[in-house]
C-alpha atoms as a PDB file:
ATOM      1  CA  MET A   1     103.596 118.264 110.287  1.00  0.00           C
ATOM      2  CA  THR A   2     101.373 121.416 110.517  1.00  0.00           C
ATOM      3  CA  THR A   3     103.094 124.526 111.017  1.00  0.00           C
ATOM      4  CA  GLN A   4     101.464 127.723 111.918  1.00  0.00           C
ATOM      5  CA  THR A   5     101.665 131.038 109.933  1.00  0.00           C
ATOM      6  CA  ALA A   6     103.404 133.936 111.990  1.00  0.00           C
ATOM      7  CA  LEU A   7     101.117 136.684 113.238  1.00  0.00           C
ATOM      8  CA  THR A   8     102.186 140.183 111.975  1.00  0.00           C
ATOM      9  CA  ARG A   9      99.555 142.233 114.101  1.00  0.00           C
ATOM     10  CA  MET A  10      97.874 141.820 117.527  1.00  0.00           C
ATOM     11  CA  ARG A  11      95.775 145.161 117.595  1.00  0.00           C
ATOM     12  CA  SER A  12      92.316 143.457 117.938  1.00  0.00           C
ATOM     13  CA  TRP A  13      91.429 140.411 119.919  1.00  0.00           C
ATOM     14  CA  LEU A  14      87.777 139.754 119.816  1.00  0.00           C
ATOM     15  CA  PHE A  15      86.156 137.099 121.955  1.00  0.00           C
ATOM     16  CA  ALA A  16      83.226 134.745 120.910  1.00  0.00           C
ATOM     17  CA  PRO A  17      81.638 132.171 123.197  1.00  0.00           C
ATOM     18  CA  GLY A  18      82.722 128.770 122.367  1.00  0.00           C
ATOM     19  CA  ASP A  19      79.071 127.504 122.525  1.00  0.00           C
ATOM     20  CA  SER A  20      77.570 129.916 120.067  1.00  0.00           C
ATOM     21  CA  GLU A  21      78.311 129.055 116.298  1.00  0.00           C
ATOM     22  CA  LYS A  22      76.794 132.192 115.097  1.00  0.00           C
ATOM     23  CA  LYS A  23      79.122 134.527 117.373  1.00  0.00           C
ATOM     24  CA  MET A  24      82.331 132.424 116.430  1.00  0.00           C
ATOM     25  CA  SER A  25      81.484 132.979 112.797  1.00  0.00           C
ATOM     26  CA  LYS A  26      80.814 136.698 113.527  1.00  0.00           C
ATOM     27  CA  ALA A  27      84.263 136.885 115.359  1.00  0.00           C
ATOM     28  CA  GLY A  28      86.178 134.724 112.627  1.00  0.00           C
ATOM     29  CA  ASP A  29      84.799 136.818 109.549  1.00  0.00           C
ATOM     30  CA  SER A  30      85.663 140.162 111.392  1.00  0.00           C
ATOM     31  CA  ALA A  31      88.534 142.427 110.858  1.00  0.00           C
ATOM     32  CA  ALA A  32      89.901 141.419 114.198  1.00  0.00           C
ATOM     33  CA  ASP A  33      93.475 140.357 113.966  1.00  0.00           C
ATOM     34  CA  ILE A  34      92.682 137.549 116.452  1.00  0.00           C
ATOM     35  CA  ALA A  35      89.356 135.818 116.588  1.00  0.00           C
ATOM     36  CA  LEU A  36      89.402 134.627 120.426  1.00  0.00           C
ATOM     37  CA  LEU A  37      86.844 131.613 121.029  1.00  0.00           C
ATOM     38  CA  ASP A  38      86.412 131.292 124.603  1.00  0.00           C
ATOM     39  CA  LEU A  39      85.828 128.053 126.716  1.00  0.00           C
ATOM     40  CA  GLU A  40      86.155 129.747 130.095  1.00  0.00           C
ATOM     41  CA  ASP A  41      84.024 132.468 131.550  1.00  0.00           C
ATOM     42  CA  SER A  42      81.377 132.910 128.754  1.00  0.00           C
ATOM     43  CA  VAL A  43      80.333 128.928 128.819  1.00  0.00           C
ATOM     44  CA  MET A  44      78.577 127.575 131.758  1.00  0.00           C
ATOM     45  CA  PRO A  45      80.025 124.463 133.194  1.00  0.00           C
ATOM     46  CA  GLU A  46      77.350 122.059 131.849  1.00  0.00           C
ATOM     47  CA  ASN A  47      77.944 123.290 128.326  1.00  0.00           C
ATOM     48  CA  LYS A  48      81.933 123.226 128.168  1.00  0.00           C
ATOM     49  CA  PRO A  49      81.798 119.689 126.733  1.00  0.00           C
ATOM     50  CA  ALA A  50      79.628 120.575 123.911  1.00  0.00           C
ATOM     51  CA  ALA A  51      81.429 123.858 123.565  1.00  0.00           C
ATOM     52  CA  ARG A  52      84.900 121.950 123.118  1.00  0.00           C
ATOM     53  CA  GLU A  53      83.398 120.050 120.244  1.00  0.00           C
ATOM     54  CA  MET A  54      82.038 123.113 118.674  1.00  0.00           C
ATOM     55  CA  VAL A  55      85.215 125.029 118.744  1.00  0.00           C
ATOM     56  CA  ARG A  56      87.076 122.017 117.456  1.00  0.00           C
ATOM     57  CA  GLU A  57      84.596 121.616 114.465  1.00  0.00           C
ATOM     58  CA  PHE A  58      84.657 125.756 113.900  1.00  0.00           C
ATOM     59  CA  LEU A  59      88.512 125.657 113.696  1.00  0.00           C
ATOM     60  CA  ALA A  60      88.594 122.699 111.447  1.00  0.00           C
ATOM     61  CA  GLY A  61      86.439 124.640 108.911  1.00  0.00           C
ATOM     62  CA  ARG A  62      88.862 127.603 108.586  1.00  0.00           C
ATOM     63  CA  GLU A  63      91.627 128.130 106.485  1.00  0.00           C
ATOM     64  CA  ASP A  64      92.845 131.219 108.670  1.00  0.00           C
ATOM     65  CA  ARG A  65      93.701 129.097 111.810  1.00  0.00           C
ATOM     66  CA  HIS A  66      96.797 131.080 112.401  1.00  0.00           C
ATOM     67  CA  ARG A  67      94.429 133.836 113.660  1.00  0.00           C
ATOM     68  CA  ILE A  68      91.963 131.679 115.517  1.00  0.00           C
ATOM     69  CA  TRP A  69      92.796 131.337 119.379  1.00  0.00           C
ATOM     70  CA  VAL A  70      90.980 129.661 122.250  1.00  0.00           C
ATOM     71  CA  ARG A  71      90.827 130.804 125.711  1.00  0.00           C
ATOM     72  CA  VAL A  72      91.160 127.714 127.747  1.00  0.00           C
ATOM     73  CA  ASN A  73      89.929 127.185 131.189  1.00  0.00           C
ATOM     74  CA  PRO A  74      92.552 128.183 134.037  1.00  0.00           C
ATOM     75  CA  LEU A  75      95.169 125.242 135.094  1.00  0.00           C
ATOM     76  CA  SER A  76      93.573 125.440 138.531  1.00  0.00           C
ATOM     77  CA  SER A  77      90.335 124.226 137.141  1.00  0.00           C
ATOM     78  CA  ASP A  78      91.174 120.554 136.041  1.00  0.00           C
ATOM     79  CA  GLU A  79      89.445 121.477 132.614  1.00  0.00           C
ATOM     80  CA  THR A  80      92.611 122.371 130.662  1.00  0.00           C
ATOM     81  CA  VAL A  81      93.632 119.009 129.438  1.00  0.00           C
ATOM     82  CA  ALA A  82      90.255 118.353 128.476  1.00  0.00           C
ATOM     83  CA  ASP A  83      90.085 121.669 126.488  1.00  0.00           C
ATOM     84  CA  LEU A  84      93.362 120.743 124.699  1.00  0.00           C
ATOM     85  CA  ASP A  85      92.312 117.169 123.868  1.00  0.00           C
ATOM     86  CA  ALA A  86      89.233 118.679 122.061  1.00  0.00           C
ATOM     87  CA  ILE A  87      90.870 121.635 120.208  1.00  0.00           C
ATOM     88  CA  MET A  88      94.394 120.611 119.174  1.00  0.00           C
ATOM     89  CA  ALA A  89      93.547 118.269 116.667  1.00  0.00           C
ATOM     90  CA  ALA A  90      92.328 121.473 114.493  1.00  0.00           C
ATOM     91  CA  ALA A  91      95.557 123.333 115.310  1.00  0.00           C
ATOM     92  CA  PRO A  92      94.373 126.536 116.758  1.00  0.00           C
ATOM     93  CA  GLY A  93      96.927 129.411 116.030  1.00  0.00           C
ATOM     94  CA  GLY A  94      97.447 129.959 120.047  1.00  0.00           C
ATOM     95  CA  VAL A  95      96.029 129.369 123.341  1.00  0.00           C
ATOM     96  CA  PHE A  96      94.791 132.154 125.792  1.00  0.00           C
ATOM     97  CA  LEU A  97      95.648 131.070 129.413  1.00  0.00           C
ATOM     98  CA  PRO A  98      93.492 132.837 132.116  1.00  0.00           C
ATOM     99  CA  LYS A  99      94.614 133.467 135.646  1.00  0.00           C
ATOM    100  CA  ALA A 100      98.011 132.801 135.111  1.00  0.00           C
ATOM    101  CA  GLU A 101     100.116 133.056 138.188  1.00  0.00           C
ATOM    102  CA  GLY A 102     103.556 133.153 137.154  1.00  0.00           C
ATOM    103  CA  ARG A 103     106.206 131.386 134.757  1.00  0.00           C
ATOM    104  CA  ALA A 104     105.797 127.941 136.285  1.00  0.00           C
ATOM    105  CA  ASP A 105     102.107 128.033 134.817  1.00  0.00           C
ATOM    106  CA  LEU A 106     103.494 128.901 131.338  1.00  0.00           C
ATOM    107  CA  GLU A 107     105.926 126.095 131.582  1.00  0.00           C
ATOM    108  CA  LEU A 108     103.334 123.606 132.635  1.00  0.00           C
ATOM    109  CA  LEU A 109     101.188 124.735 129.623  1.00  0.00           C
ATOM    110  CA  ASP A 110     104.139 124.276 127.533  1.00  0.00           C
ATOM    111  CA  THR A 111     104.406 120.558 128.526  1.00  0.00           C
ATOM    112  CA  LEU A 112     100.956 119.999 127.730  1.00  0.00           C
ATOM    113  CA  LEU A 113     100.827 121.700 124.317  1.00  0.00           C
ATOM    114  CA  SER A 114     103.964 119.920 123.191  1.00  0.00           C
ATOM    115  CA  LYS A 115     102.389 116.587 124.014  1.00  0.00           C
ATOM    116  CA  ALA A 116      99.137 117.828 122.055  1.00  0.00           C
ATOM    117  CA  GLU A 117     101.280 119.050 119.062  1.00  0.00           C
ATOM    118  CA  ALA A 118     103.105 115.682 118.870  1.00  0.00           C
ATOM    119  CA  LYS A 119      99.859 113.893 119.147  1.00  0.00           C
ATOM    120  CA  ASN A 120      98.344 115.713 116.307  1.00  0.00           C
ATOM    121  CA  GLY A 121     101.340 116.198 113.856  1.00  0.00           C
ATOM    122  CA  ILE A 122     101.838 119.640 114.652  1.00  0.00           C
ATOM    123  CA  ASP A 123     105.301 121.189 114.736  1.00  0.00           C
ATOM    124  CA  ASP A 124     106.659 121.495 118.606  1.00  0.00           C
ATOM    125  CA  GLY A 125     105.987 124.979 119.447  1.00  0.00           C
ATOM    126  CA  ALA A 126     103.798 126.058 116.570  1.00  0.00           C
ATOM    127  CA  THR A 127     101.106 127.078 119.045  1.00  0.00           C
ATOM    128  CA  LYS A 128     101.556 130.354 120.648  1.00  0.00           C
ATOM    129  CA  VAL A 129     100.418 131.472 124.125  1.00  0.00           C
ATOM    130  CA  ALA A 130      99.143 134.647 125.591  1.00  0.00           C
ATOM    131  CA  ALA A 131      98.220 134.979 129.248  1.00  0.00           C
ATOM    132  CA  LEU A 132      96.126 136.976 131.584  1.00  0.00           C
ATOM    133  CA  VAL A 133      98.435 137.956 134.291  1.00  0.00           C
ATOM    134  CA  THR A 134      96.511 140.141 137.027  1.00  0.00           C
ATOM    135  CA  GLU A 135      93.274 138.014 137.787  1.00  0.00           C
ATOM    136  CA  THR A 136      94.222 136.659 141.231  1.00  0.00           C
ATOM    137  CA  PRO A 137      95.731 138.668 143.933  1.00  0.00           C
ATOM    138  CA  LYS A 138      98.748 136.169 143.984  1.00  0.00           C
ATOM    139  CA  ALA A 139      99.143 136.741 140.174  1.00  0.00           C
ATOM    140  CA  MET A 140      99.584 140.677 140.703  1.00  0.00           C
ATOM    141  CA  PHE A 141     102.964 139.891 142.467  1.00  0.00           C
ATOM    142  CA  HIS A 142     104.258 137.739 139.545  1.00  0.00           C
ATOM    143  CA  CYS A 143     103.772 140.083 136.460  1.00  0.00           C
ATOM    144  CA  GLY A 144     107.636 140.476 136.323  1.00  0.00           C
ATOM    145  CA  ASP A 145     108.439 136.737 136.105  1.00  0.00           C
ATOM    146  CA  TYR A 146     107.587 136.115 132.352  1.00  0.00           C
ATOM    147  CA  GLU A 147     110.835 136.842 130.759  1.00  0.00           C
ATOM    148  CA  GLY A 148     111.893 133.635 128.524  1.00  0.00           C
ATOM    149  CA  ALA A 149     108.329 132.135 129.258  1.00  0.00           C
ATOM    150  CA  PRO A 150     108.057 129.340 126.450  1.00  0.00           C
ATOM    151  CA  ARG A 151     105.545 130.220 123.641  1.00  0.00           C
ATOM    152  CA  LEU A 152     104.698 133.509 125.343  1.00  0.00           C
ATOM    153  CA  VAL A 153     103.765 136.329 122.579  1.00  0.00           C
ATOM    154  CA  ALA A 154     101.438 138.683 124.547  1.00  0.00           C
ATOM    155  CA  MET A 155     100.086 139.592 128.109  1.00  0.00           C
ATOM    156  CA  SER A 156      96.852 141.207 129.035  1.00  0.00           C
ATOM    157  CA  TRP A 157      95.109 141.963 132.224  1.00  0.00           C
ATOM    158  CA  GLY A 158      91.767 141.701 133.661  1.00  0.00           C
ATOM    159  CA  ALA A 159      89.748 143.703 136.470  1.00  0.00           C
ATOM    160  CA  GLU A 160      86.677 141.533 136.810  1.00  0.00           C
ATOM    161  CA  ASP A 161      88.119 138.164 138.241  1.00  0.00           C
ATOM    162  CA  LEU A 162      90.490 140.343 140.241  1.00  0.00           C
ATOM    163  CA  SER A 163      87.541 142.291 141.573  1.00  0.00           C
ATOM    164  CA  SER A 164      85.549 139.334 142.401  1.00  0.00           C
ATOM    165  CA  ALA A 165      88.716 137.725 144.163  1.00  0.00           C
ATOM    166  CA  LEU A 166      89.122 140.584 146.343  1.00  0.00           C
ATOM    167  CA  GLY A 167      85.368 141.146 147.365  1.00  0.00           C
ATOM    168  CA  ALA A 168      85.393 144.460 145.815  1.00  0.00           C
ATOM    169  CA  ARG A 169      82.102 146.158 144.832  1.00  0.00           C
ATOM    170  CA  VAL A 170      83.708 149.314 143.184  1.00  0.00           C
ATOM    171  CA  GLN A 171      86.141 149.251 140.138  1.00  0.00           C
ATOM    172  CA  HIS A 172      85.640 152.610 138.909  1.00  0.00           C
ATOM    173  CA  ARG A 173      85.866 156.404 139.919  1.00  0.00           C
ATOM    174  CA  PRO A 174      82.896 158.661 139.320  1.00  0.00           C
ATOM    175  CA  ASP A 175      84.565 159.698 136.033  1.00  0.00           C
ATOM    176  CA  GLY A 176      84.784 156.216 134.669  1.00  0.00           C
ATOM    177  CA  SER A 177      88.723 155.713 135.377  1.00  0.00           C
ATOM    178  CA  TYR A 178      89.948 152.828 137.234  1.00  0.00           C
ATOM    179  CA  MET A 179      90.465 152.633 140.983  1.00  0.00           C
ATOM    180  CA  PRO A 180      93.988 152.543 142.107  1.00  0.00           C
ATOM    181  CA  THR A 181      94.306 148.733 142.211  1.00  0.00           C
ATOM    182  CA  TYR A 182      93.151 148.021 138.923  1.00  0.00           C
ATOM    183  CA  GLU A 183      95.381 150.793 137.751  1.00  0.00           C
ATOM    184  CA  LEU A 184      98.039 148.974 139.201  1.00  0.00           C
ATOM    185  CA  ALA A 185      97.355 145.896 137.442  1.00  0.00           C
ATOM    186  CA  ARG A 186      97.444 147.713 134.204  1.00  0.00           C
ATOM    187  CA  SER A 187     100.817 149.260 134.817  1.00  0.00           C
ATOM    188  CA  LEU A 188     102.215 145.761 136.102  1.00  0.00           C
ATOM    189  CA  CYS A 189     100.919 143.917 133.179  1.00  0.00           C
ATOM    190  CA  LEU A 190     102.556 146.782 130.794  1.00  0.00           C
ATOM    191  CA  LEU A 191     105.773 146.547 132.792  1.00  0.00           C
ATOM    192  CA  GLY A 192     105.852 142.761 132.804  1.00  0.00           C
ATOM    193  CA  ALA A 193     105.247 142.284 129.072  1.00  0.00           C
ATOM    194  CA  VAL A 194     107.889 144.920 128.009  1.00  0.00           C
ATOM    195  CA  ALA A 195     110.353 143.225 130.332  1.00  0.00           C
ATOM    196  CA  ALA A 196     109.392 139.763 128.896  1.00  0.00           C
ATOM    197  CA  GLY A 197     109.785 141.124 125.384  1.00  0.00           C
ATOM    198  CA  VAL A 198     106.087 140.295 124.473  1.00  0.00           C
ATOM    199  CA  ALA A 199     103.106 142.525 123.567  1.00  0.00           C
ATOM    200  CA  PRO A 200     100.927 144.082 126.250  1.00  0.00           C
ATOM    201  CA  ILE A 201      97.505 144.166 125.375  1.00  0.00           C
ATOM    202  CA  GLU A 202      95.004 146.009 126.984  1.00  0.00           C
ATOM    203  CA  THR A 203      91.655 144.852 128.748  1.00  0.00           C
ATOM    204  CA  VAL A 204      88.104 144.750 127.489  1.00  0.00           C
ATOM    205  CA  MET A 205      85.575 147.525 127.668  1.00  0.00           C
ATOM    206  CA  PRO A 206      82.244 146.125 128.514  1.00  0.00           C
ATOM    207  CA  GLU A 207      80.312 149.185 127.311  1.00  0.00           C
ATOM    208  CA  PHE A 208      80.418 148.281 123.877  1.00  0.00           C
ATOM    209  CA  ARG A 209      78.092 150.791 122.408  1.00  0.00           C
ATOM    210  CA  ASN A 210      80.033 153.594 123.790  1.00  0.00           C
ATOM    211  CA  LEU A 211      82.527 153.805 120.995  1.00  0.00           C
ATOM    212  CA  ASP A 212      83.681 157.257 121.580  1.00  0.00           C
ATOM    213  CA  ALA A 213      84.861 156.236 125.053  1.00  0.00           C
ATOM    214  CA  LEU A 214      86.506 153.109 123.747  1.00  0.00           C
ATOM    215  CA  ARG A 215      88.403 155.253 121.244  1.00  0.00           C
ATOM    216  CA  GLU A 216      89.786 157.582 123.932  1.00  0.00           C
ATOM    217  CA  ARG A 217      90.718 154.666 126.211  1.00  0.00           C
ATOM    218  CA  ALA A 218      92.416 152.890 123.285  1.00  0.00           C
ATOM    219  CA  ASP A 219      94.354 155.898 122.302  1.00  0.00           C
ATOM    220  CA  MET A 220      95.494 156.460 125.838  1.00  0.00           C
ATOM    221  CA  VAL A 221      96.602 153.161 126.569  1.00  0.00           C
ATOM    222  CA  ARG A 222      98.652 152.785 123.266  1.00  0.00           C
ATOM    223  CA  GLY A 223     100.242 156.254 124.180  1.00  0.00           C
ATOM    224  CA  GLN A 224     101.179 154.344 127.339  1.00  0.00           C
ATOM    225  CA  GLY A 225     102.840 151.610 125.549  1.00  0.00           C
ATOM    226  CA  TYR A 226      99.908 149.194 124.773  1.00  0.00           C
ATOM    227  CA  ARG A 227      99.891 147.203 121.746  1.00  0.00           C
ATOM    228  CA  GLY A 228      96.447 145.928 121.364  1.00  0.00           C
ATOM    229  CA  MET A 229      93.018 145.555 123.090  1.00  0.00           C
ATOM    230  CA  LEU A 230      90.795 142.947 123.898  1.00  0.00           C
ATOM    231  CA  ALA A 231      87.283 143.185 122.550  1.00  0.00           C
ATOM    232  CA  ILE A 232      83.848 141.802 123.308  1.00  0.00           C
ATOM    233  CA  HIS A 233      81.779 143.172 120.405  1.00  0.00           C
ATOM    234  CA  PRO A 234      82.535 143.225 116.573  1.00  0.00           C
ATOM    235  CA  ALA A 235      81.474 146.809 116.659  1.00  0.00           C
ATOM    236  CA  GLN A 236      84.515 147.607 118.600  1.00  0.00           C
ATOM    237  CA  VAL A 237      87.217 145.919 116.361  1.00  0.00           C
ATOM    238  CA  GLU A 238      87.305 148.817 113.688  1.00  0.00           C
ATOM    239  CA  VAL A 239      87.792 151.301 116.647  1.00  0.00           C
ATOM    240  CA  ILE A 240      90.564 149.303 118.166  1.00  0.00           C
ATOM    241  CA  ASN A 241      92.507 148.664 114.881  1.00  0.00           C
ATOM    242  CA  ALA A 242      92.283 152.317 113.905  1.00  0.00           C
ATOM    243  CA  ALA A 243      93.465 153.551 117.227  1.00  0.00           C
ATOM    244  CA  PHE A 244      96.632 150.736 117.397  1.00  0.00           C
ATOM    245  CA  THR A 245      97.672 151.666 113.751  1.00  0.00           C
ATOM    246  CA  PRO A 246     100.190 154.431 113.368  1.00  0.00           C
ATOM    247  CA  SER A 247      99.095 157.286 111.414  1.00  0.00           C
ATOM    248  CA  ALA A 248     100.454 158.765 108.239  1.00  0.00           C
ATOM    249  CA  GLU A 249     101.592 161.649 110.467  1.00  0.00           C
ATOM    250  CA  GLU A 250     103.525 159.405 113.021  1.00  0.00           C
ATOM    251  CA  ILE A 251     105.120 157.446 110.221  1.00  0.00           C
ATOM    252  CA  ASN A 252     106.496 160.756 108.435  1.00  0.00           C
ATOM    253  CA  HIS A 253     107.672 161.905 111.848  1.00  0.00           C
ATOM    254  CA  ALA A 254     109.429 158.497 112.652  1.00  0.00           C
ATOM    255  CA  ARG A 255     111.007 158.560 109.189  1.00  0.00           C
ATOM    256  CA  ALA A 256     112.216 162.182 109.812  1.00  0.00           C
ATOM    257  CA  VAL A 257     113.844 161.053 112.947  1.00  0.00           C
ATOM    258  CA  ILE A 258     115.513 158.107 111.842  1.00  0.00           C
ATOM    259  CA  LYS A 259     116.904 160.301 108.584  1.00  0.00           C
ATOM    260  CA  ALA A 260     118.041 162.825 111.003  1.00  0.00           C
ATOM    261  CA  PHE A 261     120.403 160.497 112.659  1.00  0.00           C
ATOM    262  CA  ALA A 262     121.504 158.709 109.346  1.00  0.00           C
ATOM    263  CA  ASP A 263     122.607 162.097 108.241  1.00  0.00           C
ATOM    264  CA  ASN A 264     124.473 162.697 111.455  1.00  0.00           C
ATOM    265  CA  PRO A 265     126.422 159.511 112.089  1.00  0.00           C
ATOM    266  CA  GLY A 266     127.649 159.182 115.535  1.00  0.00           C
ATOM    267  CA  ALA A 267     125.630 161.655 117.145  1.00  0.00           C
ATOM    268  CA  GLY A 268     123.574 160.993 120.406  1.00  0.00           C
ATOM    269  CA  THR A 269     121.331 164.116 119.828  1.00  0.00           C
ATOM    270  CA  VAL A 270     120.255 165.701 116.699  1.00  0.00           C
ATOM    271  CA  ALA A 271     117.969 168.896 115.871  1.00  0.00           C
ATOM    272  CA  LEU A 272     114.600 168.326 114.361  1.00  0.00           C
ATOM    273  CA  ASP A 273     112.021 170.746 113.579  1.00  0.00           C
ATOM    274  CA  GLY A 274     113.109 173.106 116.146  1.00  0.00           C
ATOM    275  CA  ALA A 275     113.545 170.422 119.054  1.00  0.00           C
ATOM    276  CA  MET A 276     116.300 168.202 120.178  1.00  0.00           C
ATOM    277  CA  VAL A 277     115.814 164.213 119.872  1.00  0.00           C
ATOM    278  CA  ASP A 278     117.898 161.667 121.121  1.00  0.00           C
ATOM    279  CA  ILE A 279     118.683 157.871 121.014  1.00  0.00           C
ATOM    280  CA  PRO A 280     115.073 156.930 123.014  1.00  0.00           C
ATOM    281  CA  HIS A 281     113.277 158.898 120.289  1.00  0.00           C
ATOM    282  CA  LEU A 282     115.284 156.866 117.573  1.00  0.00           C
ATOM    283  CA  ASN A 283     114.386 153.714 119.132  1.00  0.00           C
ATOM    284  CA  LEU A 284     110.640 154.651 119.532  1.00  0.00           C
ATOM    285  CA  ALA A 285     110.824 155.892 115.801  1.00  0.00           C
ATOM    286  CA  GLN A 286     112.167 152.686 114.638  1.00  0.00           C
ATOM    287  CA  ARG A 287     109.699 150.317 116.732  1.00  0.00           C
ATOM    288  CA  LEU A 288     106.742 152.620 115.083  1.00  0.00           C
ATOM    289  CA  LEU A 289     107.821 151.683 111.775  1.00  0.00           C
ATOM    290  CA  ILE A 290     107.761 148.124 112.591  1.00  0.00           C
ATOM    291  CA  GLU A 291     104.542 148.522 113.893  1.00  0.00           C
ATOM    292  CA  ALA A 292     103.440 149.943 110.779  1.00  0.00           C
ATOM    293  CA  GLY A 293     104.944 147.141 108.526  1.00  0.00           C
ATOM    294  CA  GLU A 294     108.003 148.930 107.467  1.00  0.00           C
ATOM    295  CA  GLU A 295     111.640 148.012 107.911  1.00  0.00           C
ATOM    296  CA  PRO A 296     113.581 150.923 109.491  1.00  0.00           C
ATOM    297  CA  ASP A 297     116.721 151.662 107.880  1.00  0.00           C
END
């Protein structure tokens, strides 16, 4: 039986079209925590059968398949089963489900994956799942439904498909920030992911050459609680990884918070560097150290 290695980080998720061997290789060889091979939007319908075989062959040649995921086509497309039939023989680390519209979609995908795992000698449940949860109007009303969803480890959101579904011509304000509907999608994804106990992942930034703006946005969403970000170009990976990696200053402060509470057992509030910190600060400090790969005391 094949057993997948657990992912320790999900900072950067780099897309690559499943019908381009060159781009898949660049993604796989990049520093991205997850290389995300795409069978959906970046592949034209007539190219999907060939792309499935290319993705399967690419996966079969990798020893790091635990970090090579595949975005399949949505369950509403009648393409998902064909995608899984092709790729599961090569045991991808995970499946990225677009246009998810609630927990029922994750339960259906779990059933399909369990059948594919059994067929291909993979441990049941070894294939993890991430879901795009705001790509249709209906999906927006179900972002809070995912607690306990099988296999789910991350949730992300998207503006392009939602914009198309709405018939909206404008996504951004003049300063580049999202219009209210898309900020709502970002917030609902964050809230839903935290409620479900999975990682919230920020959507793509299409302007891949503007790395300064990418850095600013990544820092902003990390400050809001996001744990990683989707990427569409290898040049974005380094910026994203840096933004979602705790700095030495943050780590030292987190250690100081934890030590302050350890030195004052039973206290709900302690003084640190001229300020009062309480239990929510302690919880944040512990989580930050876990993100940094340390075990909080």
